[in-house]
């Protein structure tokens, strides 16, 4: 009996005994398989394919709880990264915000500190040591390159594949082109900001934000501040027609460039130089092109009500629309978004409201590759579940859609996601 109570106490205290187990059960006509991976640690991150985990632990029996301190752990014990495969080397400190998997889930990197110096650890190998690192660490989309900003003697520079770039007063906001062949970042000298593309400095401004490559990597856009005005810069050319511009994006085929502009107290979207309808407001970063580049959608506001605008046509008005929850299906035939009306949230698919819930889990919308199926996470109370084509699945204590965890279709009839049940991480495969 004493042994039993000791085991229960260990679970409650999160003492690091990781384990893996499997279970399967049927929900209506759906077969659900669950793989129990580990206790849920606050700093745990997940690989993009939801097959791997990584988190920070400390030597000794007491649990390591990073949310008790910031910006880094105030803990004298040696720290190390634990993955599903192995434990890493012990260091004085590890930045929990730096843990990242590569897009193909094959590599892991993080920032560590030893004897007062910070450095990146890539797949267990330490890179050069610096006075400071600026996060995040960035993998190229093709996973062949890695970059981050470092500091020595109060000067910043970008480190790309182990090679240091030119030194500036400050450097960061690193962005790779989609093909991984080009790198751009912001830099500061004195009070002037500018963009550096493949080592070449562009024109200086009072501020720089929103660095964005076109899908083919041939074009670059960003916002530039001149005094109190913000203009759009495309391929180094300043467009001075509008004094306020933001939310820039390229269409998937690279032929169209859109952004939000403001004039005379009204906001409107500009695409290929043409102005859309004027509204009281347009949600920042809500501009979304369809995969075939033929349609554009965004969230707009008149008075106190928000609505979706699809190719210039306004949808039904709601109290709010989730800016992170506007998505076209891969075949461009369907459009989905999340709306709020009163105290209920719900998904709107092709203009049709789906079942209303207490909430929709942020960043949970997912289409199948053929565009025929839709999944998302919702909760009618405190126990969320995944909804696939309108059918509700198992309830869990939580469904994770951050720190790399996501809902996605791993096959034509299987939805994969990460759930939490009784403080345990569960990898779920939901066959519908």
Protein backbone atom coordinates (compact mmCIF):
# COMPACT_ATOMS: atom_id res chain seq x y z
CA UNK A 1 0.00 0.00 0.00
CA UNK A 2 2.84 2.40 0.87
CA UNK A 3 4.40 1.80 -2.54
CA UNK A 4 1.14 2.71 -4.24
CA UNK A 5 0.87 6.06 -2.46
CA UNK A 6 4.51 6.89 -3.19
CA UNK A 7 3.86 6.30 -6.90
CA UNK A 8 0.85 8.62 -6.85
CA UNK A 9 2.86 11.32 -5.11
CA UNK A 10 5.59 11.12 -7.74
CA UNK A 11 3.06 11.75 -10.48
CA UNK A 12 1.59 14.76 -8.71
CA UNK A 13 5.02 16.33 -8.30
CA UNK A 14 6.03 15.78 -11.96
CA UNK A 15 9.19 13.90 -11.03
CA UNK A 16 10.70 13.19 -14.41
CA UNK A 17 9.74 9.62 -15.22
CA UNK A 18 8.88 9.66 -18.92
CA UNK A 19 7.11 6.71 -20.43
CA UNK A 20 5.38 5.59 -23.58
CA UNK A 21 2.24 3.49 -23.83
CA UNK A 22 -0.41 2.81 -26.42
CA UNK A 23 -4.19 2.59 -26.31
CA UNK A 24 -6.99 2.42 -28.84
CA UNK A 25 -10.71 3.07 -28.56
CA UNK A 26 -13.67 3.64 -30.81
CA UNK A 27 -15.65 6.88 -30.86
CA UNK A 28 -18.84 6.31 -32.83
CA UNK A 29 -17.50 5.21 -36.24
CA UNK A 30 -14.00 6.59 -35.61
CA UNK A 31 -11.02 4.54 -34.47
CA UNK A 32 -8.76 6.59 -32.19
CA UNK A 33 -5.25 5.48 -31.21
CA UNK A 34 -3.42 7.21 -28.35
CA UNK A 35 0.30 7.08 -27.60
CA UNK A 36 1.22 8.33 -24.13
CA UNK A 37 4.60 10.05 -24.36
CA UNK A 38 5.52 11.95 -21.23
CA UNK A 39 4.35 14.17 -18.43
CA UNK A 40 3.43 17.62 -19.73
CA UNK A 41 6.25 20.05 -18.88
CA UNK A 42 5.66 23.82 -19.31
CA UNK A 43 8.57 24.32 -21.72
CA UNK A 44 7.82 21.30 -23.89
CA UNK A 45 8.02 21.87 -27.65
CA UNK A 46 6.90 19.59 -30.46
CA UNK A 47 8.24 18.75 -33.89
CA UNK A 48 6.12 19.86 -36.87
CA UNK A 49 5.13 16.25 -37.63
CA UNK A 50 4.03 15.78 -33.99
CA UNK A 51 6.37 12.80 -33.61
CA UNK A 52 9.04 14.28 -31.31
CA UNK A 53 9.22 16.29 -28.09
CA UNK A 54 11.87 18.34 -26.33
CA UNK A 55 11.91 20.11 -22.98
CA UNK A 56 14.31 21.42 -20.34
CA UNK A 57 15.09 19.51 -17.16
CA UNK A 58 17.44 20.12 -14.27
CA UNK A 59 19.65 17.78 -12.28
CA UNK A 60 18.15 16.40 -9.11
CA UNK A 61 14.72 15.07 -8.21
CA UNK A 62 12.79 18.32 -7.88
CA UNK A 63 10.91 19.35 -11.03
CA UNK A 64 12.21 22.15 -13.20
CA UNK A 65 9.57 24.89 -13.54
CA UNK A 66 10.71 27.70 -15.81
CA UNK A 67 7.52 29.75 -15.53
CA UNK A 68 8.57 30.63 -11.98
CA UNK A 69 11.24 32.98 -13.31
CA UNK A 70 12.24 35.04 -16.32
CA UNK A 71 13.81 35.85 -18.74
CA UNK A 72 15.86 32.71 -18.09
CA UNK A 73 15.71 30.16 -15.30
CA UNK A 74 16.89 31.35 -11.88
CA UNK A 75 18.02 27.91 -10.84
CA UNK A 76 21.51 26.96 -9.71
CA UNK A 77 21.19 23.37 -10.89
CA UNK A 78 22.67 22.30 -14.20
CA UNK A 79 20.12 22.23 -17.01
CA UNK A 80 19.79 19.99 -20.03
CA UNK A 81 17.44 19.35 -22.92
CA UNK A 82 15.59 16.06 -22.98
CA UNK A 83 14.10 14.77 -26.23
CA UNK A 84 12.21 11.60 -27.06
CA UNK A 85 15.58 10.12 -28.03
CA UNK A 86 18.15 11.25 -25.46
CA UNK A 87 19.32 13.67 -22.78
CA UNK A 88 21.63 16.50 -23.82
CA UNK A 89 24.73 17.92 -22.22
CA UNK A 90 24.45 19.83 -18.93
CA UNK A 91 24.76 23.64 -19.03
CA UNK A 92 24.49 26.54 -16.59
CA UNK A 93 21.39 27.90 -18.33
CA UNK A 94 19.18 27.07 -21.32
CA UNK A 95 16.71 29.51 -22.82
CA UNK A 96 13.27 27.85 -22.93
CA UNK A 97 12.16 30.23 -25.67
CA UNK A 98 14.98 29.06 -27.93
CA UNK A 99 14.00 25.38 -28.27
CA UNK A 100 13.09 24.69 -31.89
CA UNK A 101 12.79 21.78 -34.30
CA UNK A 102 13.60 22.15 -37.99
CA UNK A 103 10.62 22.14 -40.40
CA UNK A 104 11.36 18.51 -41.37
CA UNK A 105 11.48 17.51 -37.67
CA UNK A 106 14.98 16.02 -38.07
CA UNK A 107 17.04 18.68 -36.28
CA UNK A 108 16.82 20.51 -32.97
CA UNK A 109 18.53 23.69 -31.80
CA UNK A 110 18.58 25.80 -28.66
CA UNK A 111 20.56 28.52 -26.87
CA UNK A 112 22.69 27.54 -23.89
CA UNK A 113 24.97 29.40 -21.47
CA UNK A 114 28.16 28.25 -19.82
CA UNK A 115 30.69 30.32 -17.89
CA UNK A 116 28.95 33.55 -18.87
CA UNK A 117 28.90 32.91 -22.63
CA UNK A 118 25.91 32.03 -24.82
CA UNK A 119 25.96 29.72 -27.83
CA UNK A 120 23.70 27.69 -30.07
CA UNK A 121 23.58 23.92 -29.71
CA UNK A 122 22.58 22.26 -32.99
CA UNK A 123 21.90 18.52 -32.86
CA UNK A 124 24.10 18.29 -29.78
CA UNK A 125 27.03 20.21 -31.29
CA UNK A 126 28.04 23.54 -29.77
CA UNK A 127 28.65 26.54 -32.02
CA UNK A 128 30.86 29.54 -31.25
CA UNK A 129 30.37 31.32 -27.93
CA UNK A 130 29.17 34.92 -27.70
CA UNK A 131 28.30 37.54 -25.11
CA UNK A 132 24.63 37.34 -26.02
CA UNK A 133 22.19 35.76 -28.46
CA UNK A 134 19.05 37.36 -29.83
CA UNK A 135 16.20 34.94 -30.39
CA UNK A 136 14.74 33.29 -32.31
CA UNK A 137 17.00 30.73 -33.92
CA UNK A 138 15.78 30.32 -37.50
CA UNK A 139 15.95 27.29 -39.80
CA UNK A 140 15.55 27.82 -43.53
CA UNK A 141 12.38 26.27 -45.00
CA UNK A 142 14.46 23.58 -46.77
CA UNK A 143 16.22 22.81 -43.43
CA UNK A 144 19.66 23.19 -45.00
CA UNK A 145 20.61 26.44 -43.25
CA UNK A 146 20.39 27.98 -39.79
CA UNK A 147 20.74 31.58 -38.67
CA UNK A 148 20.59 33.67 -35.51
CA UNK A 149 21.70 37.05 -34.18
CA UNK A 150 24.67 37.23 -31.79
CA UNK A 151 26.50 39.95 -29.88
CA UNK A 152 30.17 40.54 -29.08
CA UNK A 153 31.56 43.71 -27.48
CA UNK A 154 28.15 45.41 -27.74
CA UNK A 155 27.93 44.85 -31.50
CA UNK A 156 25.30 42.68 -33.19
CA UNK A 157 25.65 40.51 -36.26
CA UNK A 158 23.86 37.63 -37.94
CA UNK A 159 25.47 34.20 -37.89
CA UNK A 160 24.53 32.15 -40.96
CA UNK A 161 25.67 28.53 -41.09
CA UNK A 162 28.40 29.38 -38.60
CA UNK A 163 29.71 32.42 -40.51
CA UNK A 164 29.48 35.86 -38.92
CA UNK A 165 28.09 38.76 -40.90
CA UNK A 166 28.88 42.46 -40.67
CA UNK A 167 28.61 44.07 -37.24
CA UNK A 168 25.91 46.64 -36.45
CA UNK A 169 24.56 48.42 -33.39
CA UNK A 170 21.70 45.95 -33.57
CA UNK A 171 20.70 43.13 -35.94
CA UNK A 172 17.78 40.72 -36.00
CA UNK A 173 14.32 39.96 -37.48
CA UNK A 174 15.83 37.21 -39.62
CA UNK A 175 13.82 36.00 -42.61
CA UNK A 176 14.68 33.28 -45.15
CA UNK A 177 13.20 33.16 -48.63
CA UNK A 178 10.83 30.18 -49.13
CA UNK A 179 13.47 28.35 -51.20
CA UNK A 180 16.09 28.94 -48.49
CA UNK A 181 18.51 30.60 -50.92
CA UNK A 182 18.24 34.14 -49.58
CA UNK A 183 18.35 35.73 -46.14
CA UNK A 184 17.19 39.17 -45.07
CA UNK A 185 17.36 40.85 -41.70
CA UNK A 186 16.93 44.25 -40.11
CA UNK A 187 19.93 46.24 -38.89
CA UNK A 188 20.47 49.47 -36.96
CA UNK A 189 23.31 51.98 -37.09
CA UNK A 190 22.82 54.94 -34.80
CA UNK A 191 19.13 55.79 -35.09
CA UNK A 192 18.68 54.50 -38.63
CA UNK A 193 17.16 51.16 -39.63
CA UNK A 194 17.60 49.28 -42.88
CA UNK A 195 17.23 45.84 -44.43
CA UNK A 196 20.24 43.70 -45.30
CA UNK A 197 19.63 41.15 -48.09
CA UNK A 198 22.31 38.50 -48.64
CA UNK A 199 24.82 40.87 -47.05
CA UNK A 200 23.82 43.93 -49.12
CA UNK A 201 22.47 46.96 -47.26
CA UNK A 202 19.36 48.76 -48.54
CA UNK A 203 18.24 52.34 -47.94
CA UNK A 204 18.06 53.64 -44.37
CA UNK A 205 14.83 54.66 -42.63
CA UNK A 206 13.58 55.60 -39.18
CA UNK A 207 12.20 52.10 -38.72
CA UNK A 208 11.74 48.78 -40.53
CA UNK A 209 9.11 46.07 -39.98
CA UNK A 210 7.37 43.22 -41.79
CA UNK A 211 10.18 41.82 -43.95
CA UNK A 212 8.51 39.49 -46.48
CA UNK A 213 9.82 37.48 -49.43
CA UNK A 214 7.70 36.49 -52.40
CA UNK A 215 7.11 32.72 -52.73
CA UNK A 216 9.72 32.43 -55.51
CA UNK A 217 12.24 34.44 -53.47
CA UNK A 218 12.71 36.98 -56.26
CA UNK A 219 10.99 39.91 -54.53
CA UNK A 220 11.22 41.45 -51.08
CA UNK A 221 8.85 43.83 -49.34
CA UNK A 222 8.80 45.57 -45.98
CA UNK A 223 7.31 48.55 -44.18
CA UNK A 224 9.51 51.61 -43.68
CA UNK A 225 8.95 54.44 -41.23
CA UNK A 226 9.80 57.97 -42.33
CA UNK A 227 9.10 60.29 -39.45
CA UNK A 228 5.61 59.39 -38.25
CA UNK A 229 4.57 57.90 -41.59
CA UNK A 230 4.82 54.26 -42.65
CA UNK A 231 5.30 53.36 -46.31
CA UNK A 232 5.62 50.15 -48.30
CA UNK A 233 8.97 49.28 -49.86
CA UNK A 234 9.04 46.66 -52.63
CA UNK A 235 12.38 45.58 -54.11
CA UNK A 236 14.00 48.66 -52.61
CA UNK A 237 11.49 51.14 -54.08
CA UNK A 238 9.53 53.33 -51.65
CA UNK A 239 5.82 53.71 -52.46
CA UNK A 240 4.77 57.07 -51.01
CA UNK A 241 1.09 57.06 -52.07
CA UNK A 242 -0.16 56.09 -48.60
CA UNK A 243 1.22 57.33 -45.31
CA UNK A 244 0.12 54.27 -43.32
CA UNK A 245 0.73 50.76 -44.66
CA UNK A 246 0.91 47.34 -42.97
CA UNK A 247 -0.03 43.65 -43.28
CA UNK A 248 1.95 43.02 -46.47
CA UNK A 249 1.80 39.68 -48.31
CA UNK A 250 2.42 38.15 -51.72
CA UNK A 251 0.09 35.78 -53.53
CA UNK A 252 1.34 32.16 -53.79
CA UNK A 253 2.21 32.61 -57.49
CA UNK A 254 4.11 35.81 -56.67
CA UNK A 255 2.13 37.87 -59.19
CA UNK A 256 0.15 39.90 -56.68
CA UNK A 257 1.19 41.98 -53.72
CA UNK A 258 -1.31 43.20 -51.16
CA UNK A 259 -1.29 45.33 -48.02
CA UNK A 260 -3.52 47.39 -45.76
CA UNK A 261 -3.45 51.16 -46.24
CA UNK A 262 -5.12 53.97 -44.34
CA UNK A 263 -6.20 57.43 -45.49
CA UNK A 264 -8.61 60.02 -44.08
CA UNK A 265 -9.49 57.76 -41.15
CA UNK A 266 -10.49 54.82 -43.35
CA UNK A 267 -8.73 51.53 -44.04
CA UNK A 268 -8.65 49.57 -47.28
CA UNK A 269 -6.71 46.78 -48.96
CA UNK A 270 -4.46 47.56 -51.92
CA UNK A 271 -3.71 44.70 -54.35
CA UNK A 272 -1.63 45.24 -57.47
CA UNK A 273 -2.05 48.99 -56.95
CA UNK A 274 -5.88 48.85 -56.87
CA UNK A 275 -7.80 50.04 -53.80
CA UNK A 276 -10.57 47.95 -52.28
CA UNK A 277 -13.62 49.21 -50.39
CA UNK A 278 -13.03 51.52 -47.45
CA UNK A 279 -13.84 50.40 -43.89
CA UNK A 280 -13.51 51.64 -40.33
CA UNK A 281 -10.82 49.05 -39.80
CA UNK A 282 -9.13 46.00 -41.33
CA UNK A 283 -7.65 43.35 -39.10
CA UNK A 284 -3.86 43.38 -39.18
CA UNK A 285 -2.28 40.40 -40.95
CA UNK A 286 -5.68 39.02 -41.97
CA UNK A 287 -5.08 39.26 -45.74
CA UNK A 288 -5.17 35.71 -47.12
CA UNK A 289 -4.70 34.66 -50.76
CA UNK A 290 -6.10 31.37 -52.04
CA UNK A 291 -3.50 28.75 -53.06
CA UNK A 292 -4.35 29.31 -56.75
CA UNK A 293 -3.87 33.09 -56.24
CA UNK A 294 -7.30 33.80 -57.74
CA UNK A 295 -9.08 34.92 -54.56
CA UNK A 296 -8.33 37.14 -51.58
CA UNK A 297 -10.02 37.34 -48.19
CA UNK A 298 -9.61 39.54 -45.12
CA UNK A 299 -11.49 40.68 -42.01
CA UNK A 300 -12.98 44.19 -42.04
CA UNK A 301 -14.97 46.33 -39.64
CA UNK A 302 -17.83 48.81 -39.93
CA UNK A 303 -18.95 50.46 -36.73
CA UNK A 304 -18.64 47.74 -34.06
CA UNK A 305 -19.18 44.69 -36.29
CA UNK A 306 -16.61 42.53 -38.08
CA UNK A 307 -17.10 40.50 -41.26
CA UNK A 308 -15.13 38.64 -43.88
CA UNK A 309 -14.55 40.19 -47.29
CA UNK A 310 -14.04 37.64 -50.07
CA UNK A 311 -13.11 39.07 -53.48
CA UNK A 312 -14.82 42.32 -52.54
CA UNK A 313 -18.04 40.69 -51.28
CA UNK A 314 -18.93 41.23 -47.62
CA UNK A 315 -20.09 38.36 -45.43
CA UNK A 316 -22.35 38.29 -42.39
CA UNK A 317 -21.50 40.67 -39.55
CA UNK A 318 -20.26 39.31 -36.21
CA UNK A 319 -18.90 40.66 -32.94
CA UNK A 320 -15.43 39.50 -33.89
CA UNK A 321 -13.41 37.35 -36.31
CA UNK A 322 -10.21 35.50 -35.44
CA UNK A 323 -7.36 36.93 -37.52
CA UNK A 324 -5.33 33.73 -37.21
CA UNK A 325 -8.30 31.67 -38.36
CA UNK A 326 -8.90 32.53 -42.02
CA UNK A 327 -7.92 29.72 -44.37
CA UNK A 328 -8.54 28.45 -47.88
CA UNK A 329 -8.52 24.74 -48.62
CA UNK A 330 -5.50 23.49 -50.61
CA UNK A 331 -7.67 23.16 -53.73
CA UNK A 332 -8.92 26.78 -53.26
CA UNK A 333 -12.55 25.60 -53.34
CA UNK A 334 -13.42 26.27 -49.71
CA UNK A 335 -12.93 29.11 -47.23
CA UNK A 336 -13.15 28.81 -43.45
CA UNK A 337 -12.83 31.24 -40.57
CA UNK A 338 -13.73 31.55 -36.88
CA UNK A 339 -16.36 34.03 -35.73
CA UNK A 340 -17.61 35.25 -32.36
CA UNK A 341 -21.20 36.29 -31.73
CA UNK A 342 -22.37 37.00 -28.22
CA UNK A 343 -20.61 34.51 -25.95
CA UNK A 344 -20.30 31.75 -28.57
CA UNK A 345 -17.54 30.92 -31.05
CA UNK A 346 -17.99 28.89 -34.19
CA UNK A 347 -16.50 27.99 -37.53
CA UNK A 348 -17.94 29.46 -40.74
CA UNK A 349 -17.34 27.19 -43.73
CA UNK A 350 -18.20 28.55 -47.17
CA UNK A 351 -20.51 31.07 -45.53
CA UNK A 352 -22.36 28.47 -43.43
CA UNK A 353 -22.14 28.61 -39.64
CA UNK A 354 -21.15 25.33 -38.02
CA UNK A 355 -22.10 24.25 -34.49
CA UNK A 356 -21.67 26.93 -31.83
CA UNK A 357 -19.33 26.27 -28.88
CA UNK A 358 -17.97 28.05 -25.82
CA UNK A 359 -14.74 28.44 -27.75
CA UNK A 360 -12.64 27.34 -30.72
CA UNK A 361 -9.02 26.47 -29.91
CA UNK A 362 -6.77 29.11 -31.55
CA UNK A 363 -4.73 28.03 -34.59
CA UNK A 364 -6.58 24.71 -34.83
CA UNK A 365 -8.17 24.91 -38.31
CA UNK A 366 -6.83 22.25 -40.68
CA UNK A 367 -7.89 21.09 -44.14
CA UNK A 368 -6.94 17.74 -45.64
CA UNK A 369 -4.56 17.92 -48.61
CA UNK A 370 -7.39 17.24 -51.07
CA UNK A 371 -9.54 19.94 -49.46
CA UNK A 372 -12.42 17.53 -48.79
CA UNK A 373 -12.17 17.40 -44.99
CA UNK A 374 -11.95 20.01 -42.24
CA UNK A 375 -10.78 19.56 -38.66
CA UNK A 376 -10.56 21.94 -35.71
CA UNK A 377 -10.60 21.84 -31.91
CA UNK A 378 -13.53 23.15 -29.88
CA UNK A 379 -14.75 23.05 -26.31
CA UNK A 380 -18.36 23.13 -25.08
CA UNK A 381 -17.02 23.41 -21.51
CA UNK A 382 -13.54 22.82 -20.07
CA UNK A 383 -12.91 19.59 -22.01
CA UNK A 384 -11.97 20.21 -25.68
CA UNK A 385 -12.24 17.75 -28.54
CA UNK A 386 -11.38 17.67 -32.24
CA UNK A 387 -14.21 18.08 -34.72
CA UNK A 388 -13.77 16.35 -38.10
CA UNK A 389 -16.36 17.11 -40.77
CA UNK A 390 -18.77 18.17 -38.04
CA UNK A 391 -18.31 15.03 -35.90
CA UNK A 392 -16.93 15.43 -32.38
CA UNK A 393 -14.12 13.22 -31.09
CA UNK A 394 -12.73 12.27 -27.69
CA UNK A 395 -12.56 14.85 -24.92
CA UNK A 396 -9.23 15.73 -23.34
CA UNK A 397 -7.96 18.09 -20.65
CA UNK A 398 -6.32 20.14 -23.37
CA UNK A 399 -5.51 20.06 -27.09
CA UNK A 400 -2.26 21.80 -27.94
CA UNK A 401 -1.81 24.06 -30.95
CA UNK A 402 1.27 26.02 -29.89
CA UNK A 403 5.00 25.43 -29.41
CA UNK A 404 5.04 23.36 -32.59
CA UNK A 405 2.01 21.22 -31.78
CA UNK A 406 -0.71 21.33 -34.41
CA UNK A 407 -3.70 19.55 -35.87
CA UNK A 408 -3.05 18.08 -39.32
CA UNK A 409 -4.14 15.30 -41.66
CA UNK A 410 -1.39 12.67 -41.62
CA UNK A 411 -3.28 10.66 -44.27
CA UNK A 412 -6.48 10.97 -46.28
CA UNK A 413 -8.54 9.56 -43.39
CA UNK A 414 -6.42 10.29 -40.31
CA UNK A 415 -6.17 13.44 -38.21
CA UNK A 416 -3.15 13.75 -35.92
CA UNK A 417 -2.82 16.05 -32.93
CA UNK A 418 -1.33 16.45 -29.46
CA UNK A 419 -3.59 16.24 -26.41
CA UNK A 420 -3.17 16.37 -22.64
CA UNK A 421 -4.89 13.86 -20.37
CA UNK A 422 -4.24 13.78 -16.61
CA UNK A 423 -1.01 15.77 -17.04
CA UNK A 424 0.25 13.37 -19.69
CA UNK A 425 1.11 14.19 -23.30
CA UNK A 426 -0.84 12.05 -25.75
CA UNK A 427 -0.08 11.72 -29.47
CA UNK A 428 -3.48 11.06 -31.04
CA UNK A 429 -4.30 9.54 -34.42
CA UNK A 430 -8.01 9.88 -35.17
CA UNK A 431 -9.17 7.68 -38.05
CA UNK A 432 -12.48 8.89 -39.39
